[in-house]
């Protein structure tokens, strides 16, 4: 019992030390201005949700806005505290509007895919030092714009499909941030080569006419069937011609 009690105490102390070493997120308390911004975001059709029950940091998404895009959705963010995720995918966000993101220094995830931003707009992201995830898919970003991201040392995932970024530009950023995974979507391009193998299957299909040649042999069986009329000729009126002969014999009897 003494050993079991000692082990239990050691386990409790270990768990306590681990919990003490794990940094807990600072409490997020919204100001009156922040609460008004949350209400307005909902009116515009956006979503602002807490990350978890025990984490009051915010995820803000404007995917649901179908009306005319203005500066207001981004201006409202400056009064919010604890915004860590922001999703602007598919909205016509411009370079000038990205200025509103500068105060969001707690951002860790940012979706800008399918927006109208260019290299110039990325200058407004230089101060987002906590950014870990950035999606620029389907934008006009090029190698020049990537230079603005070299100071984001915590960046881990960067998506650049359908952009003007070259492998050389991606490699340059990789040297500045060794931990970043730059995805250019190049691995998806070689797939059409597999389609070139289809003509090989067509060659196999060309062999099908050989089976048709076998079908052509069927007329031979018809020839055999044509011989059947010869068999019908055998039992012809020859037997009937003998009948008159029997009549002649009858005359002799008379």
C-alpha atoms as a PDB file:
ATOM      1  CA  UNK A   1       0.000   0.000   0.000  1.00  0.00           C
ATOM      2  CA  UNK A   2       2.854   2.366   0.831  1.00  0.00           C
ATOM      3  CA  UNK A   3       4.400   1.819  -2.623  1.00  0.00           C
ATOM      4  CA  UNK A   4       1.099   2.425  -4.382  1.00  0.00           C
ATOM      5  CA  UNK A   5       0.541   5.633  -2.432  1.00  0.00           C
ATOM      6  CA  UNK A   6       4.032   6.866  -3.334  1.00  0.00           C
ATOM      7  CA  UNK A   7       3.489   6.137  -7.030  1.00  0.00           C
ATOM      8  CA  UNK A   8       0.172   7.982  -6.983  1.00  0.00           C
ATOM      9  CA  UNK A   9       1.802  11.008  -5.351  1.00  0.00           C
ATOM     10  CA  UNK A  10       4.594  11.029  -7.935  1.00  0.00           C
ATOM     11  CA  UNK A  11       2.078  10.854 -10.794  1.00  0.00           C
ATOM     12  CA  UNK A  12       0.114  13.730  -9.307  1.00  0.00           C
ATOM     13  CA  UNK A  13       3.219  15.848  -8.965  1.00  0.00           C
ATOM     14  CA  UNK A  14       4.262  15.085 -12.560  1.00  0.00           C
ATOM     15  CA  UNK A  15       0.871  16.081 -13.939  1.00  0.00           C
ATOM     16  CA  UNK A  16       0.984  19.250 -11.877  1.00  0.00           C
ATOM     17  CA  UNK A  17       4.417  20.181 -13.203  1.00  0.00           C
ATOM     18  CA  UNK A  18       3.322  19.566 -16.830  1.00  0.00           C
ATOM     19  CA  UNK A  19       0.240  21.708 -16.315  1.00  0.00           C
ATOM     20  CA  UNK A  20       2.383  24.447 -14.810  1.00  0.00           C
ATOM     21  CA  UNK A  21       4.753  24.393 -17.795  1.00  0.00           C
ATOM     22  CA  UNK A  22       1.891  24.536 -20.344  1.00  0.00           C
ATOM     23  CA  UNK A  23       1.080  28.175 -21.042  1.00  0.00           C
ATOM     24  CA  UNK A  24      -2.598  28.941 -20.622  1.00  0.00           C
ATOM     25  CA  UNK A  25      -4.107  31.426 -23.049  1.00  0.00           C
ATOM     26  CA  UNK A  26      -4.690  34.820 -21.465  1.00  0.00           C
ATOM     27  CA  UNK A  27      -8.327  35.590 -20.764  1.00  0.00           C
ATOM     28  CA  UNK A  28     -10.102  37.476 -23.529  1.00  0.00           C
ATOM     29  CA  UNK A  29     -12.613  40.064 -22.429  1.00  0.00           C
ATOM     30  CA  UNK A  30     -14.405  42.066 -25.085  1.00  0.00           C
ATOM     31  CA  UNK A  31     -14.946  45.782 -24.557  1.00  0.00           C
ATOM     32  CA  UNK A  32     -18.268  47.448 -25.231  1.00  0.00           C
ATOM     33  CA  UNK A  33     -16.965  48.458 -28.661  1.00  0.00           C
ATOM     34  CA  UNK A  34     -15.956  44.865 -29.289  1.00  0.00           C
ATOM     35  CA  UNK A  35     -19.406  43.564 -28.351  1.00  0.00           C
ATOM     36  CA  UNK A  36     -21.000  46.037 -30.749  1.00  0.00           C
ATOM     37  CA  UNK A  37     -18.655  44.865 -33.493  1.00  0.00           C
ATOM     38  CA  UNK A  38     -19.658  41.246 -32.863  1.00  0.00           C
ATOM     39  CA  UNK A  39     -23.324  42.175 -33.198  1.00  0.00           C
ATOM     40  CA  UNK A  40     -22.663  44.085 -36.413  1.00  0.00           C
ATOM     41  CA  UNK A  41     -20.641  41.226 -37.914  1.00  0.00           C
ATOM     42  CA  UNK A  42     -23.638  38.954 -37.351  1.00  0.00           C
ATOM     43  CA  UNK A  43     -25.924  41.492 -39.048  1.00  0.00           C
ATOM     44  CA  UNK A  44     -23.653  41.537 -42.107  1.00  0.00           C
ATOM     45  CA  UNK A  45     -23.872  37.760 -42.356  1.00  0.00           C
ATOM     46  CA  UNK A  46     -20.448  36.972 -40.911  1.00  0.00           C
ATOM     47  CA  UNK A  47     -19.585  34.556 -38.128  1.00  0.00           C
ATOM     48  CA  UNK A  48     -17.545  35.235 -35.008  1.00  0.00           C
ATOM     49  CA  UNK A  49     -17.208  32.188 -32.766  1.00  0.00           C
ATOM     50  CA  UNK A  50     -15.049  31.264 -29.796  1.00  0.00           C
ATOM     51  CA  UNK A  51     -12.273  28.784 -30.572  1.00  0.00           C
ATOM     52  CA  UNK A  52     -13.280  26.485 -27.684  1.00  0.00           C
ATOM     53  CA  UNK A  53     -15.330  26.454 -24.496  1.00  0.00           C
ATOM     54  CA  UNK A  54     -12.271  27.196 -22.404  1.00  0.00           C
ATOM     55  CA  UNK A  55     -10.705  29.523 -24.983  1.00  0.00           C
ATOM     56  CA  UNK A  56     -12.368  32.854 -25.707  1.00  0.00           C
ATOM     57  CA  UNK A  57     -10.185  33.640 -28.726  1.00  0.00           C
ATOM     58  CA  UNK A  58     -12.207  34.250 -31.873  1.00  0.00           C
ATOM     59  CA  UNK A  59     -12.628  32.730 -35.306  1.00  0.00           C
ATOM     60  CA  UNK A  60     -14.098  35.247 -37.743  1.00  0.00           C
ATOM     61  CA  UNK A  61     -15.424  34.195 -41.142  1.00  0.00           C
ATOM     62  CA  UNK A  62     -17.001  36.295 -43.885  1.00  0.00           C
ATOM     63  CA  UNK A  63     -17.713  33.437 -46.296  1.00  0.00           C
ATOM     64  CA  UNK A  64     -21.442  33.890 -45.905  1.00  0.00           C
ATOM     65  CA  UNK A  65     -21.594  37.511 -47.131  1.00  0.00           C
ATOM     66  CA  UNK A  66     -23.216  37.556 -50.581  1.00  0.00           C
ATOM     67  CA  UNK A  67     -23.963  41.255 -50.905  1.00  0.00           C
ATOM     68  CA  UNK A  68     -21.741  44.136 -51.926  1.00  0.00           C
ATOM     69  CA  UNK A  69     -18.294  43.941 -50.309  1.00  0.00           C
ATOM     70  CA  UNK A  70     -17.160  47.118 -48.506  1.00  0.00           C
ATOM     71  CA  UNK A  71     -14.484  48.183 -46.029  1.00  0.00           C
ATOM     72  CA  UNK A  72     -16.823  47.762 -43.058  1.00  0.00           C
ATOM     73  CA  UNK A  73     -16.350  44.010 -42.397  1.00  0.00           C
ATOM     74  CA  UNK A  74     -12.608  44.540 -41.927  1.00  0.00           C
ATOM     75  CA  UNK A  75     -12.908  47.859 -40.089  1.00  0.00           C
ATOM     76  CA  UNK A  76     -15.016  46.120 -37.421  1.00  0.00           C
ATOM     77  CA  UNK A  77     -12.105  43.813 -36.568  1.00  0.00           C
ATOM     78  CA  UNK A  78     -10.011  46.562 -34.966  1.00  0.00           C
ATOM     79  CA  UNK A  79     -12.323  46.688 -31.919  1.00  0.00           C
ATOM     80  CA  UNK A  80     -12.193  42.924 -31.356  1.00  0.00           C
ATOM     81  CA  UNK A  81      -9.763  41.261 -28.990  1.00  0.00           C
ATOM     82  CA  UNK A  82      -8.305  37.811 -29.475  1.00  0.00           C
ATOM     83  CA  UNK A  83      -8.957  37.253 -33.204  1.00  0.00           C
ATOM     84  CA  UNK A  84      -6.742  34.291 -34.136  1.00  0.00           C
ATOM     85  CA  UNK A  85      -8.509  32.909 -37.240  1.00  0.00           C
ATOM     86  CA  UNK A  86      -9.759  35.046 -40.115  1.00  0.00           C
ATOM     87  CA  UNK A  87     -11.365  33.651 -43.265  1.00  0.00           C
ATOM     88  CA  UNK A  88     -11.857  36.022 -46.228  1.00  0.00           C
ATOM     89  CA  UNK A  89     -11.905  33.338 -48.925  1.00  0.00           C
ATOM     90  CA  UNK A  90     -13.671  34.271 -52.138  1.00  0.00           C
ATOM     91  CA  UNK A  91     -14.388  37.878 -51.162  1.00  0.00           C
ATOM     92  CA  UNK A  92     -13.116  40.712 -53.419  1.00  0.00           C
ATOM     93  CA  UNK A  93     -10.623  41.942 -50.824  1.00  0.00           C
ATOM     94  CA  UNK A  94      -8.187  44.508 -52.232  1.00  0.00           C
ATOM     95  CA  UNK A  95      -4.639  45.491 -51.300  1.00  0.00           C
ATOM     96  CA  UNK A  96      -5.855  48.725 -49.715  1.00  0.00           C
ATOM     97  CA  UNK A  97      -8.339  46.864 -47.496  1.00  0.00           C
ATOM     98  CA  UNK A  98      -5.606  44.652 -46.057  1.00  0.00           C
ATOM     99  CA  UNK A  99      -4.406  47.681 -44.087  1.00  0.00           C
ATOM    100  CA  UNK A 100      -7.208  46.863 -41.622  1.00  0.00           C
ATOM    101  CA  UNK A 101      -5.419  43.622 -40.676  1.00  0.00           C
ATOM    102  CA  UNK A 102      -2.341  45.317 -39.221  1.00  0.00           C
ATOM    103  CA  UNK A 103      -3.775  45.502 -35.645  1.00  0.00           C
ATOM    104  CA  UNK A 104      -4.570  41.750 -35.657  1.00  0.00           C
ATOM    105  CA  UNK A 105      -1.180  40.711 -34.312  1.00  0.00           C
ATOM    106  CA  UNK A 106      -2.620  37.593 -32.633  1.00  0.00           C
ATOM    107  CA  UNK A 107      -3.654  36.060 -35.957  1.00  0.00           C
ATOM    108  CA  UNK A 108      -2.409  32.495 -36.482  1.00  0.00           C
ATOM    109  CA  UNK A 109      -4.570  31.460 -39.467  1.00  0.00           C
ATOM    110  CA  UNK A 110      -5.438  33.679 -42.439  1.00  0.00           C
ATOM    111  CA  UNK A 111      -7.414  32.689 -45.549  1.00  0.00           C
ATOM    112  CA  UNK A 112      -6.986  35.033 -48.507  1.00  0.00           C
ATOM    113  CA  UNK A 113      -7.546  32.559 -51.347  1.00  0.00           C
ATOM    114  CA  UNK A 114      -9.536  33.727 -54.373  1.00  0.00           C
ATOM    115  CA  UNK A 115      -9.272  37.401 -53.331  1.00  0.00           C
ATOM    116  CA  UNK A 116      -8.037  40.343 -55.435  1.00  0.00           C
ATOM    117  CA  UNK A 117      -4.822  40.987 -53.549  1.00  0.00           C
ATOM    118  CA  UNK A 118      -1.433  41.374 -55.236  1.00  0.00           C
ATOM    119  CA  UNK A 119       2.195  41.569 -54.122  1.00  0.00           C
ATOM    120  CA  UNK A 120       1.641  45.090 -52.824  1.00  0.00           C
ATOM    121  CA  UNK A 121      -1.050  43.917 -50.417  1.00  0.00           C
ATOM    122  CA  UNK A 122       1.301  41.495 -48.661  1.00  0.00           C
ATOM    123  CA  UNK A 123       3.220  44.467 -47.274  1.00  0.00           C
ATOM    124  CA  UNK A 124       0.384  44.813 -44.745  1.00  0.00           C
ATOM    125  CA  UNK A 125       1.082  41.334 -43.338  1.00  0.00           C
ATOM    126  CA  UNK A 126       4.649  41.995 -42.200  1.00  0.00           C
ATOM    127  CA  UNK A 127       3.590  42.635 -38.609  1.00  0.00           C
ATOM    128  CA  UNK A 128       1.548  39.434 -38.203  1.00  0.00           C
ATOM    129  CA  UNK A 129       4.426  37.658 -36.479  1.00  0.00           C
ATOM    130  CA  UNK A 130       2.250  34.905 -34.967  1.00  0.00           C
ATOM    131  CA  UNK A 131       0.920  33.777 -38.333  1.00  0.00           C
ATOM    132  CA  UNK A 132       1.267  29.999 -38.818  1.00  0.00           C
ATOM    133  CA  UNK A 133      -1.098  29.350 -41.731  1.00  0.00           C
ATOM    134  CA  UNK A 134      -1.555  31.496 -44.842  1.00  0.00           C
ATOM    135  CA  UNK A 135      -3.581  30.556 -47.928  1.00  0.00           C
ATOM    136  CA  UNK A 136      -3.017  32.660 -51.074  1.00  0.00           C
ATOM    137  CA  UNK A 137      -4.422  30.184 -53.597  1.00  0.00           C
ATOM    138  CA  UNK A 138      -5.806  31.711 -56.788  1.00  0.00           C
ATOM    139  CA  UNK A 139      -4.391  35.212 -56.261  1.00  0.00           C
ATOM    140  CA  UNK A 140      -2.044  37.423 -58.302  1.00  0.00           C
ATOM    141  CA  UNK A 141       0.829  36.925 -55.847  1.00  0.00           C
ATOM    142  CA  UNK A 142       4.321  36.519 -57.331  1.00  0.00           C
ATOM    143  CA  UNK A 143       7.905  36.090 -56.173  1.00  0.00           C
ATOM    144  CA  UNK A 144       8.197  39.801 -55.314  1.00  0.00           C
ATOM    145  CA  UNK A 145       5.359  39.582 -52.811  1.00  0.00           C
ATOM    146  CA  UNK A 146       6.868  36.629 -50.997  1.00  0.00           C
ATOM    147  CA  UNK A 147       9.719  38.840 -49.818  1.00  0.00           C
ATOM    148  CA  UNK A 148       7.214  40.518 -47.475  1.00  0.00           C
ATOM    149  CA  UNK A 149       6.669  37.211 -45.676  1.00  0.00           C
ATOM    150  CA  UNK A 150      10.298  36.432 -44.874  1.00  0.00           C
ATOM    151  CA  UNK A 151       9.986  37.898 -41.367  1.00  0.00           C
ATOM    152  CA  UNK A 152       7.096  35.589 -40.390  1.00  0.00           C
ATOM    153  CA  UNK A 153       9.284  33.012 -38.676  1.00  0.00           C
ATOM    154  CA  UNK A 154       6.367  31.053 -37.180  1.00  0.00           C
ATOM    155  CA  UNK A 155       4.816  30.384 -40.584  1.00  0.00           C
ATOM    156  CA  UNK A 156       4.348  26.644 -41.134  1.00  0.00           C
ATOM    157  CA  UNK A 157       1.857  26.279 -44.005  1.00  0.00           C
ATOM    158  CA  UNK A 158       1.750  28.456 -47.126  1.00  0.00           C
ATOM    159  CA  UNK A 159      -0.530  27.586 -50.059  1.00  0.00           C
ATOM    160  CA  UNK A 160       0.281  29.138 -53.429  1.00  0.00           C
ATOM    161  CA  UNK A 161      -1.653  27.087 -56.023  1.00  0.00           C
ATOM    162  CA  UNK A 162      -2.560  28.998 -59.174  1.00  0.00           C
ATOM    163  CA  UNK A 163      -0.386  32.001 -58.378  1.00  0.00           C
ATOM    164  CA  UNK A 164       2.553  33.620 -60.186  1.00  0.00           C
ATOM    165  CA  UNK A 165       5.068  32.268 -57.679  1.00  0.00           C
ATOM    166  CA  UNK A 166       7.874  30.231 -59.251  1.00  0.00           C
ATOM    167  CA  UNK A 167       9.788  27.325 -57.689  1.00  0.00           C
ATOM    168  CA  UNK A 168      12.787  29.655 -57.402  1.00  0.00           C
ATOM    169  CA  UNK A 169      10.745  32.196 -55.427  1.00  0.00           C
ATOM    170  CA  UNK A 170       9.399  29.477 -53.156  1.00  0.00           C
ATOM    171  CA  UNK A 171      12.920  28.175 -52.542  1.00  0.00           C
ATOM    172  CA  UNK A 172      14.090  31.672 -51.580  1.00  0.00           C
ATOM    173  CA  UNK A 173      11.342  31.948 -48.961  1.00  0.00           C
ATOM    174  CA  UNK A 174      12.181  28.465 -47.716  1.00  0.00           C
ATOM    175  CA  UNK A 175      15.717  29.631 -46.977  1.00  0.00           C
ATOM    176  CA  UNK A 176      14.396  32.552 -44.941  1.00  0.00           C
ATOM    177  CA  UNK A 177      11.867  30.337 -43.079  1.00  0.00           C
ATOM    178  CA  UNK A 178      13.195  26.736 -43.005  1.00  0.00           C
ATOM    179  CA  UNK A 179      10.151  25.467 -41.103  1.00  0.00           C
ATOM    180  CA  UNK A 180       7.579  26.608 -43.686  1.00  0.00           C
ATOM    181  CA  UNK A 181       5.897  24.104 -46.019  1.00  0.00           C
ATOM    182  CA  UNK A 182       5.354  25.914 -49.324  1.00  0.00           C
ATOM    183  CA  UNK A 183       2.735  24.206 -51.477  1.00  0.00           C
ATOM    184  CA  UNK A 184       2.728  25.284 -55.123  1.00  0.00           C
ATOM    185  CA  UNK A 185       0.363  22.531 -56.213  1.00  0.00           C
ATOM    186  CA  UNK A 186       2.961  21.289 -58.726  1.00  0.00           C
ATOM    187  CA  UNK A 187       2.480  17.674 -57.668  1.00  0.00           C
ATOM    188  CA  UNK A 188      -1.044  17.772 -59.133  1.00  0.00           C
ATOM    189  CA  UNK A 189       0.142  18.659 -62.663  1.00  0.00           C
ATOM    190  CA  UNK A 190       1.782  15.333 -63.749  1.00  0.00           C
ATOM    191  CA  UNK A 191      -1.537  13.472 -63.460  1.00  0.00           C
ATOM    192  CA  UNK A 192      -2.489  13.952 -67.144  1.00  0.00           C
ATOM    193  CA  UNK A 193       0.427  11.664 -68.081  1.00  0.00           C
ATOM    194  CA  UNK A 194      -1.591   8.739 -66.794  1.00  0.00           C
ATOM    195  CA  UNK A 195      -4.240   9.491 -69.401  1.00  0.00           C
ATOM    196  CA  UNK A 196      -1.672   8.882 -72.163  1.00  0.00           C
ATOM    197  CA  UNK A 197      -1.786   5.179 -71.356  1.00  0.00           C
ATOM    198  CA  UNK A 198      -5.363   4.977 -72.627  1.00  0.00           C
ATOM    199  CA  UNK A 199      -4.269   4.346 -76.266  1.00  0.00           C
ATOM    200  CA  UNK A 200      -2.738   1.078 -75.042  1.00  0.00           C
ATOM    201  CA  UNK A 201      -6.152  -0.089 -73.965  1.00  0.00           C
ATOM    202  CA  UNK A 202      -7.497   0.921 -77.386  1.00  0.00           C
ATOM    203  CA  UNK A 203      -5.017  -1.437 -78.992  1.00  0.00           C
ATOM    204  CA  UNK A 204      -6.572  -4.237 -77.022  1.00  0.00           C
ATOM    205  CA  UNK A 205      -9.939  -3.062 -78.276  1.00  0.00           C
ATOM    206  CA  UNK A 206      -8.693  -3.350 -81.852  1.00  0.00           C
ATOM    207  CA  UNK A 207      -8.307  -7.057 -81.284  1.00  0.00           C
ATOM    208  CA  UNK A 208     -12.066  -7.337 -80.985  1.00  0.00           C
ATOM    209  CA  UNK A 209     -12.470  -7.585 -84.804  1.00  0.00           C
ATOM    210  CA  UNK A 210     -10.700 -10.948 -84.507  1.00  0.00           C
ATOM    211  CA  UNK A 211     -13.736 -12.201 -82.677  1.00  0.00           C
ATOM    212  CA  UNK A 212     -15.808 -10.894 -85.573  1.00  0.00           C
ATOM    213  CA  UNK A 213     -13.723 -13.050 -87.917  1.00  0.00           C
ATOM    214  CA  UNK A 214     -14.841 -16.024 -85.893  1.00  0.00           C
ATOM    215  CA  UNK A 215     -18.381 -14.817 -86.399  1.00  0.00           C
ATOM    216  CA  UNK A 216     -17.809 -14.868 -90.154  1.00  0.00           C
ATOM    217  CA  UNK A 217     -17.413 -18.623 -89.928  1.00  0.00           C
ATOM    218  CA  UNK A 218     -21.138 -18.865 -89.268  1.00  0.00           C
ATOM    219  CA  UNK A 219     -21.935 -18.844 -93.013  1.00  0.00           C
ATOM    220  CA  UNK A 220     -20.109 -22.195 -93.195  1.00  0.00           C
ATOM    221  CA  UNK A 221     -22.802 -23.652 -91.015  1.00  0.00           C
ATOM    222  CA  UNK A 222     -25.349 -22.229 -93.464  1.00  0.00           C
ATOM    223  CA  UNK A 223     -23.640 -24.104 -96.266  1.00  0.00           C
ATOM    224  CA  UNK A 224     -24.155 -27.253 -94.284  1.00  0.00           C
ATOM    225  CA  UNK A 225     -27.786 -26.314 -93.976  1.00  0.00           C
ATOM    226  CA  UNK A 226     -27.995 -25.869 -97.757  1.00  0.00           C
ATOM    227  CA  UNK A 227     -27.154 -29.538 -98.184  1.00  0.00           C
ATOM    228  CA  UNK A 228     -30.381 -30.467 -96.477  1.00  0.00           C
ATOM    229  CA  UNK A 229     -32.450 -29.996 -99.662  1.00  0.00           C
ATOM    230  CA  UNK A 230     -30.401 -32.804-101.244  1.00  0.00           C
ATOM    231  CA  UNK A 231     -31.633 -35.104 -98.531  1.00  0.00           C
ATOM    232  CA  UNK A 232     -35.199 -34.080 -99.379  1.00  0.00           C
ATOM    233  CA  UNK A 233     -34.702 -35.061-103.067  1.00  0.00           C
ATOM    234  CA  UNK A 234     -34.037 -38.727-102.180  1.00  0.00           C
ATOM    235  CA  UNK A 235     -37.565 -39.671-101.158  1.00  0.00           C
ATOM    236  CA  UNK A 236     -39.131 -38.034-104.279  1.00  0.00           C
ATOM    237  CA  UNK A 237     -41.775 -39.335-106.654  1.00  0.00           C
ATOM    238  CA  UNK A 238     -39.571 -42.317-107.575  1.00  0.00           C
ATOM    239  CA  UNK A 239     -41.626 -44.476-105.287  1.00  0.00           C
ATOM    240  CA  UNK A 240     -44.785 -43.134-106.905  1.00  0.00           C
ATOM    241  CA  UNK A 241     -43.523 -44.126-110.429  1.00  0.00           C
ATOM    242  CA  UNK A 242     -43.514 -47.756-109.357  1.00  0.00           C
ATOM    243  CA  UNK A 243     -47.260 -47.685-108.884  1.00  0.00           C
ATOM    244  CA  UNK A 244     -48.050 -47.831-112.620  1.00  0.00           C
ATOM    245  CA  UNK A 245     -45.856 -50.898-112.849  1.00  0.00           C
ATOM    246  CA  UNK A 246     -48.050 -52.702-110.393  1.00  0.00           C
ATOM    247  CA  UNK A 247     -51.037 -51.862-112.587  1.00  0.00           C
ATOM    248  CA  UNK A 248     -49.416 -53.582-115.570  1.00  0.00           C
ATOM    249  CA  UNK A 249     -49.049 -56.725-113.503  1.00  0.00           C
ATOM    250  CA  UNK A 250     -52.724 -56.580-112.741  1.00  0.00           C
ATOM    251  CA  UNK A 251     -53.537 -56.525-116.445  1.00  0.00           C
ATOM    252  CA  UNK A 252     -51.558 -59.680-116.975  1.00  0.00           C
ATOM    253  CA  UNK A 253     -53.624 -61.386-114.375  1.00  0.00           C
ATOM    254  CA  UNK A 254     -56.703 -60.590-116.340  1.00  0.00           C
END
